[in-house]
Amino acid sequence: MIEFHLEARSGVAPYLQLVHQVRHALRLGLLREGDQLPTVKEVVGRIAINPNTVLKAYRELERDGLVAGRPGVGTFVTRGLADTTLAAQGPLRSELVRWLGKARRAGLDDECIEALFTNTFRSLSERGIA
């Protein structure tokens, strides 16, 4: 089962953080069709979030066709994200592991690595390259 977390300083709305975490878990194959998401009550108890925020995230995931709620039972994954398993990403993952090793040897810590990646990715996306 997925364990949600919130980054208060991310600038991303809490419900979107939950949506992104589910989509990320689907891409990585950590969540599969039939898996149950934590109940709203469980999420609220673990990360101190408004229940309506969790419901909003789950509704968005439902609109995207990724999950479906079953009254009285819970919310379940209805489909994964096609061709995005770790196995399909193997060669890219290997390159990324090598790059991360180079970044570590260059003296970068986790925060610096994440900032460098995010900044580069956003810059390329804005120019329509990524």
C-alpha atoms as a PDB file:
ATOM      1  CA  MET A   1       0.000   0.000   0.000  1.00  0.00           C
ATOM      2  CA  ILE A   2       1.211   3.496  -0.800  1.00  0.00           C
ATOM      3  CA  GLU A   3       2.401   5.750   2.034  1.00  0.00           C
ATOM      4  CA  PHE A   4       1.576   9.379   1.286  1.00  0.00           C
ATOM      5  CA  HIS A   5       3.685  12.318   2.426  1.00  0.00           C
ATOM      6  CA  LEU A   6       3.345  16.071   1.985  1.00  0.00           C
ATOM      7  CA  GLU A   7       6.029  18.636   1.250  1.00  0.00           C
ATOM      8  CA  ALA A   8       4.774  21.863   2.814  1.00  0.00           C
ATOM      9  CA  ARG A   9       7.317  24.027   0.973  1.00  0.00           C
ATOM     10  CA  SER A  10       6.854  22.478  -2.461  1.00  0.00           C
ATOM     11  CA  GLY A  11       4.367  25.082  -3.682  1.00  0.00           C
ATOM     12  CA  VAL A  12       2.159  22.249  -4.982  1.00  0.00           C
ATOM     13  CA  ALA A  13      -1.381  21.929  -3.636  1.00  0.00           C
ATOM     14  CA  PRO A  14      -1.694  19.013  -1.184  1.00  0.00           C
ATOM     15  CA  TYR A  15      -4.325  17.204  -3.258  1.00  0.00           C
ATOM     16  CA  LEU A  16      -2.049  17.403  -6.310  1.00  0.00           C
ATOM     17  CA  GLN A  17       0.835  16.006  -4.281  1.00  0.00           C
ATOM     18  CA  LEU A  18      -1.319  12.960  -3.522  1.00  0.00           C
ATOM     19  CA  VAL A  19      -2.332  12.632  -7.179  1.00  0.00           C
ATOM     20  CA  HIS A  20       1.301  12.879  -8.296  1.00  0.00           C
ATOM     21  CA  GLN A  21       2.380  10.268  -5.761  1.00  0.00           C
ATOM     22  CA  VAL A  22      -0.224   7.779  -7.006  1.00  0.00           C
ATOM     23  CA  ARG A  23       0.708   8.420 -10.641  1.00  0.00           C
ATOM     24  CA  HIS A  24       4.391   8.046  -9.745  1.00  0.00           C
ATOM     25  CA  ALA A  25       3.716   4.736  -7.972  1.00  0.00           C
ATOM     26  CA  LEU A  26       1.763   3.524 -11.031  1.00  0.00           C
ATOM     27  CA  ARG A  27       4.601   4.456 -13.376  1.00  0.00           C
ATOM     28  CA  LEU A  28       7.126   2.623 -11.223  1.00  0.00           C
ATOM     29  CA  GLY A  29       4.927  -0.447 -10.889  1.00  0.00           C
ATOM     30  CA  LEU A  30       4.613   0.033  -7.126  1.00  0.00           C
ATOM     31  CA  LEU A  31       0.827   0.150  -7.509  1.00  0.00           C
ATOM     32  CA  ARG A  32      -0.939  -2.284  -9.807  1.00  0.00           C
ATOM     33  CA  GLU A  33      -4.460  -2.897 -10.984  1.00  0.00           C
ATOM     34  CA  GLY A  34      -6.552  -4.152  -8.073  1.00  0.00           C
ATOM     35  CA  ASP A  35      -4.409  -2.592  -5.338  1.00  0.00           C
ATOM     36  CA  GLN A  36      -6.294  -0.624  -2.713  1.00  0.00           C
ATOM     37  CA  LEU A  37      -5.403   2.947  -1.837  1.00  0.00           C
ATOM     38  CA  PRO A  38      -5.448   3.907   1.843  1.00  0.00           C
ATOM     39  CA  THR A  39      -8.850   4.993   3.076  1.00  0.00           C
ATOM     40  CA  VAL A  40      -9.458   8.681   3.582  1.00  0.00           C
ATOM     41  CA  LYS A  41      -9.496   8.071   7.332  1.00  0.00           C
ATOM     42  CA  GLU A  42      -6.102   6.321   7.174  1.00  0.00           C
ATOM     43  CA  VAL A  43      -4.537   9.150   5.152  1.00  0.00           C
ATOM     44  CA  VAL A  44      -5.948  11.794   7.491  1.00  0.00           C
ATOM     45  CA  GLY A  45      -4.587   9.888  10.498  1.00  0.00           C
ATOM     46  CA  ARG A  46      -1.100   9.476   9.051  1.00  0.00           C
ATOM     47  CA  ILE A  47      -0.392  12.880   7.538  1.00  0.00           C
ATOM     48  CA  ALA A  48      -2.816  15.278   9.245  1.00  0.00           C
ATOM     49  CA  ILE A  49      -4.636  16.462   6.134  1.00  0.00           C
ATOM     50  CA  ASN A  50      -8.211  17.608   5.602  1.00  0.00           C
ATOM     51  CA  PRO A  51     -10.439  14.695   4.500  1.00  0.00           C
ATOM     52  CA  ASN A  52     -11.862  16.837   1.680  1.00  0.00           C
ATOM     53  CA  THR A  53      -8.341  17.226   0.268  1.00  0.00           C
ATOM     54  CA  VAL A  54      -7.908  13.455   0.090  1.00  0.00           C
ATOM     55  CA  LEU A  55     -11.365  13.089  -1.467  1.00  0.00           C
ATOM     56  CA  LYS A  56     -10.480  15.715  -4.074  1.00  0.00           C
ATOM     57  CA  ALA A  57      -7.310  13.800  -5.001  1.00  0.00           C
ATOM     58  CA  TYR A  58      -9.172  10.508  -5.250  1.00  0.00           C
ATOM     59  CA  ARG A  59     -11.905  12.116  -7.394  1.00  0.00           C
ATOM     60  CA  GLU A  60      -9.275  13.473  -9.786  1.00  0.00           C
ATOM     61  CA  LEU A  61      -7.691  10.017 -10.052  1.00  0.00           C
ATOM     62  CA  GLU A  62     -11.170   8.605 -10.746  1.00  0.00           C
ATOM     63  CA  ARG A  63     -11.758  11.173 -13.516  1.00  0.00           C
ATOM     64  CA  ASP A  64      -8.442  10.073 -15.034  1.00  0.00           C
ATOM     65  CA  GLY A  65      -9.697   6.483 -14.991  1.00  0.00           C
ATOM     66  CA  LEU A  66      -6.897   5.300 -12.714  1.00  0.00           C
ATOM     67  CA  VAL A  67      -8.945   4.365  -9.649  1.00  0.00           C
ATOM     68  CA  ALA A  68     -12.529   3.569  -8.739  1.00  0.00           C
ATOM     69  CA  GLY A  69     -14.275   3.899  -5.419  1.00  0.00           C
ATOM     70  CA  ARG A  70     -16.353   1.022  -4.098  1.00  0.00           C
ATOM     71  CA  PRO A  71     -18.842   2.298  -1.506  1.00  0.00           C
ATOM     72  CA  GLY A  72     -18.161   0.795   1.894  1.00  0.00           C
ATOM     73  CA  VAL A  73     -15.050  -1.018   0.645  1.00  0.00           C
ATOM     74  CA  GLY A  74     -12.461   1.533  -0.507  1.00  0.00           C
ATOM     75  CA  THR A  75     -10.696   2.970  -3.537  1.00  0.00           C
ATOM     76  CA  PHE A  76      -8.922   0.587  -5.908  1.00  0.00           C
ATOM     77  CA  VAL A  77      -6.517   0.963  -8.816  1.00  0.00           C
ATOM     78  CA  THR A  78      -8.340   0.188 -12.055  1.00  0.00           C
ATOM     79  CA  ARG A  79      -5.420   0.465 -14.460  1.00  0.00           C
ATOM     80  CA  GLY A  80      -1.727   1.158 -14.577  1.00  0.00           C
ATOM     81  CA  LEU A  81       0.135   3.553 -16.812  1.00  0.00           C
ATOM     82  CA  ALA A  82       1.003   1.705 -20.037  1.00  0.00           C
ATOM     83  CA  ASP A  83       4.576   0.671 -20.837  1.00  0.00           C
ATOM     84  CA  THR A  84       6.040   2.488 -17.885  1.00  0.00           C
ATOM     85  CA  THR A  85       7.255  -0.340 -15.665  1.00  0.00           C
ATOM     86  CA  LEU A  86      10.744  -0.372 -14.258  1.00  0.00           C
ATOM     87  CA  ALA A  87      11.665  -3.149 -16.697  1.00  0.00           C
ATOM     88  CA  ALA A  88      10.736  -0.951 -19.679  1.00  0.00           C
ATOM     89  CA  GLN A  89      12.824   1.848 -18.203  1.00  0.00           C
ATOM     90  CA  GLY A  90      15.877  -0.321 -17.520  1.00  0.00           C
ATOM     91  CA  PRO A  91      18.389   1.356 -19.851  1.00  0.00           C
ATOM     92  CA  LEU A  92      17.333   4.862 -18.785  1.00  0.00           C
ATOM     93  CA  ARG A  93      17.478   3.828 -15.151  1.00  0.00           C
ATOM     94  CA  SER A  94      21.025   2.517 -15.624  1.00  0.00           C
ATOM     95  CA  GLU A  95      22.122   5.827 -17.161  1.00  0.00           C
ATOM     96  CA  LEU A  96      20.471   7.715 -14.333  1.00  0.00           C
ATOM     97  CA  VAL A  97      22.268   5.589 -11.734  1.00  0.00           C
ATOM     98  CA  ARG A  98      25.590   6.386 -13.435  1.00  0.00           C
ATOM     99  CA  TRP A  99      24.709  10.102 -13.527  1.00  0.00           C
ATOM    100  CA  LEU A 100      23.741  10.069  -9.832  1.00  0.00           C
ATOM    101  CA  GLY A 101      27.083   8.452  -9.028  1.00  0.00           C
ATOM    102  CA  LYS A 102      28.873  11.254 -10.893  1.00  0.00           C
ATOM    103  CA  ALA A 103      26.817  13.852  -9.031  1.00  0.00           C
ATOM    104  CA  ARG A 104      27.739  12.286  -5.683  1.00  0.00           C
ATOM    105  CA  ARG A 105      31.437  12.152  -6.631  1.00  0.00           C
ATOM    106  CA  ALA A 106      31.165  15.841  -7.547  1.00  0.00           C
ATOM    107  CA  GLY A 107      30.083  16.501  -3.960  1.00  0.00           C
ATOM    108  CA  LEU A 108      26.363  17.129  -4.467  1.00  0.00           C
ATOM    109  CA  ASP A 109      23.954  16.142  -1.685  1.00  0.00           C
ATOM    110  CA  ASP A 110      20.353  14.957  -2.185  1.00  0.00           C
ATOM    111  CA  GLU A 111      18.914  18.467  -2.127  1.00  0.00           C
ATOM    112  CA  CYS A 112      21.420  19.769  -4.694  1.00  0.00           C
ATOM    113  CA  ILE A 113      20.851  16.787  -6.994  1.00  0.00           C
ATOM    114  CA  GLU A 114      17.090  17.221  -6.840  1.00  0.00           C
ATOM    115  CA  ALA A 115      17.362  20.974  -7.460  1.00  0.00           C
ATOM    116  CA  LEU A 116      19.692  20.459 -10.434  1.00  0.00           C
ATOM    117  CA  PHE A 117      17.411  17.855 -11.995  1.00  0.00           C
ATOM    118  CA  THR A 118      14.221  19.829 -11.381  1.00  0.00           C
ATOM    119  CA  ASN A 119      15.680  23.070 -12.686  1.00  0.00           C
ATOM    120  CA  THR A 120      17.055  21.394 -15.807  1.00  0.00           C
ATOM    121  CA  PHE A 121      13.834  19.494 -16.470  1.00  0.00           C
ATOM    122  CA  ARG A 122      11.661  22.611 -16.076  1.00  0.00           C
ATOM    123  CA  SER A 123      13.987  24.658 -18.266  1.00  0.00           C
ATOM    124  CA  LEU A 124      13.829  22.079 -21.047  1.00  0.00           C
ATOM    125  CA  SER A 125      10.051  21.677 -20.664  1.00  0.00           C
ATOM    126  CA  GLU A 126       9.520  25.423 -20.978  1.00  0.00           C
ATOM    127  CA  ARG A 127      11.460  25.367 -24.237  1.00  0.00           C
ATOM    128  CA  GLY A 128       9.466  22.361 -25.468  1.00  0.00           C
ATOM    129  CA  ILE A 129      12.468  20.036 -25.439  1.00  0.00           C
ATOM    130  CA  ALA A 130      11.439  17.659 -22.622  1.00  0.00           C
END
